[in-house]
Amino acid sequence: MCELDAILLEDNTRQLVMESVTKVMVDGDSIELIGILGDRTTLKGAIKLIDFSKGEIVILSK
């Protein structure tokens, strides 16, 4: 299984917001991240990059 670390990018600062993300659901500027154990986090922003080779998703903060 491929899991991603979610990184929030705000003012050129990277912050890890969630590890082991297995599902990403987008509704407008709302992004819901769901982890391997079912934990959930919702952010306001836009997806900038999904890099499977690095195992990360980068989200621009709004």
C-alpha atoms as a PDB file:
ATOM      1  CA  MET A   1       0.000   0.000   0.000  1.00  0.00           C
ATOM      2  CA  CYS A   2       1.170   3.519  -0.730  1.00  0.00           C
ATOM      3  CA  GLU A   3       0.891   5.977   2.138  1.00  0.00           C
ATOM      4  CA  LEU A   4       1.778   9.651   2.062  1.00  0.00           C
ATOM      5  CA  ASP A   5       2.894  12.270   4.553  1.00  0.00           C
ATOM      6  CA  ALA A   6       0.785  15.437   4.292  1.00  0.00           C
ATOM      7  CA  ILE A   7       2.828  18.646   4.327  1.00  0.00           C
ATOM      8  CA  LEU A   8       1.190  22.059   4.773  1.00  0.00           C
ATOM      9  CA  LEU A   9       3.067  24.848   2.987  1.00  0.00           C
ATOM     10  CA  GLU A  10       2.440  28.275   4.524  1.00  0.00           C
ATOM     11  CA  ASP A  11       4.674  31.309   3.916  1.00  0.00           C
ATOM     12  CA  ASN A  12       7.432  29.015   2.533  1.00  0.00           C
ATOM     13  CA  THR A  13       7.357  27.002   5.776  1.00  0.00           C
ATOM     14  CA  ARG A  14       6.675  23.252   5.578  1.00  0.00           C
ATOM     15  CA  GLN A  15       4.731  21.654   8.435  1.00  0.00           C
ATOM     16  CA  LEU A  16       3.947  17.954   8.711  1.00  0.00           C
ATOM     17  CA  VAL A  17       0.214  17.715   9.436  1.00  0.00           C
ATOM     18  CA  MET A  18      -0.410  13.983   9.050  1.00  0.00           C
ATOM     19  CA  GLU A  19       1.525  10.779   8.445  1.00  0.00           C
ATOM     20  CA  SER A  20       0.337   7.601   6.703  1.00  0.00           C
ATOM     21  CA  VAL A  21      -2.403   9.253   4.620  1.00  0.00           C
ATOM     22  CA  THR A  22      -4.240   6.690   2.500  1.00  0.00           C
ATOM     23  CA  LYS A  23      -7.147   8.759   1.159  1.00  0.00           C
ATOM     24  CA  VAL A  24      -7.541  12.415   0.111  1.00  0.00           C
ATOM     25  CA  MET A  25     -10.966  13.917  -0.560  1.00  0.00           C
ATOM     26  CA  VAL A  26     -11.287  17.408  -2.045  1.00  0.00           C
ATOM     27  CA  ASP A  27     -14.420  19.574  -1.938  1.00  0.00           C
ATOM     28  CA  GLY A  28     -13.676  23.093  -3.191  1.00  0.00           C
ATOM     29  CA  ASP A  29     -10.909  24.450  -0.963  1.00  0.00           C
ATOM     30  CA  SER A  30     -11.568  21.873   1.770  1.00  0.00           C
ATOM     31  CA  ILE A  31      -9.194  18.900   1.807  1.00  0.00           C
ATOM     32  CA  GLU A  32      -9.947  15.919   4.039  1.00  0.00           C
ATOM     33  CA  LEU A  33      -7.060  13.576   4.806  1.00  0.00           C
ATOM     34  CA  ILE A  34      -7.769  10.073   6.064  1.00  0.00           C
ATOM     35  CA  GLY A  35      -5.032   8.017   7.692  1.00  0.00           C
ATOM     36  CA  ILE A  36      -4.307   4.313   7.643  1.00  0.00           C
ATOM     37  CA  LEU A  37      -6.015   3.872  11.035  1.00  0.00           C
ATOM     38  CA  GLY A  38      -9.077   5.942  10.074  1.00  0.00           C
ATOM     39  CA  ASP A  39      -7.964   9.198  11.693  1.00  0.00           C
ATOM     40  CA  ARG A  40      -9.150  12.321   9.845  1.00  0.00           C
ATOM     41  CA  THR A  41      -7.918  15.877   9.390  1.00  0.00           C
ATOM     42  CA  THR A  42      -9.571  18.620   7.336  1.00  0.00           C
ATOM     43  CA  LEU A  43      -7.624  21.595   5.967  1.00  0.00           C
ATOM     44  CA  LYS A  44      -8.430  24.651   3.868  1.00  0.00           C
ATOM     45  CA  GLY A  45      -6.092  24.940   0.916  1.00  0.00           C
ATOM     46  CA  ALA A  46      -5.121  23.603  -2.475  1.00  0.00           C
ATOM     47  CA  ILE A  47      -3.027  20.614  -3.477  1.00  0.00           C
ATOM     48  CA  LYS A  48       0.266  21.782  -4.937  1.00  0.00           C
ATOM     49  CA  LEU A  49       2.038  18.462  -5.424  1.00  0.00           C
ATOM     50  CA  ILE A  50       1.633  14.730  -4.911  1.00  0.00           C
ATOM     51  CA  ASP A  51       5.009  12.978  -5.087  1.00  0.00           C
ATOM     52  CA  PHE A  52       4.785   9.207  -4.700  1.00  0.00           C
ATOM     53  CA  SER A  53       8.562   8.772  -4.954  1.00  0.00           C
ATOM     54  CA  LYS A  54       8.992  10.972  -1.841  1.00  0.00           C
ATOM     55  CA  GLY A  55       5.767   9.721  -0.283  1.00  0.00           C
ATOM     56  CA  GLU A  56       4.279  13.161   0.281  1.00  0.00           C
ATOM     57  CA  ILE A  57       1.399  15.415  -0.624  1.00  0.00           C
ATOM     58  CA  VAL A  58       2.043  19.174  -0.387  1.00  0.00           C
ATOM     59  CA  ILE A  59      -0.928  21.414   0.380  1.00  0.00           C
ATOM     60  CA  LEU A  60      -0.850  25.205  -0.008  1.00  0.00           C
ATOM     61  CA  SER A  61      -2.507  26.873   2.973  1.00  0.00           C
ATOM     62  CA  LYS A  62      -5.387  29.311   2.380  1.00  0.00           C
END
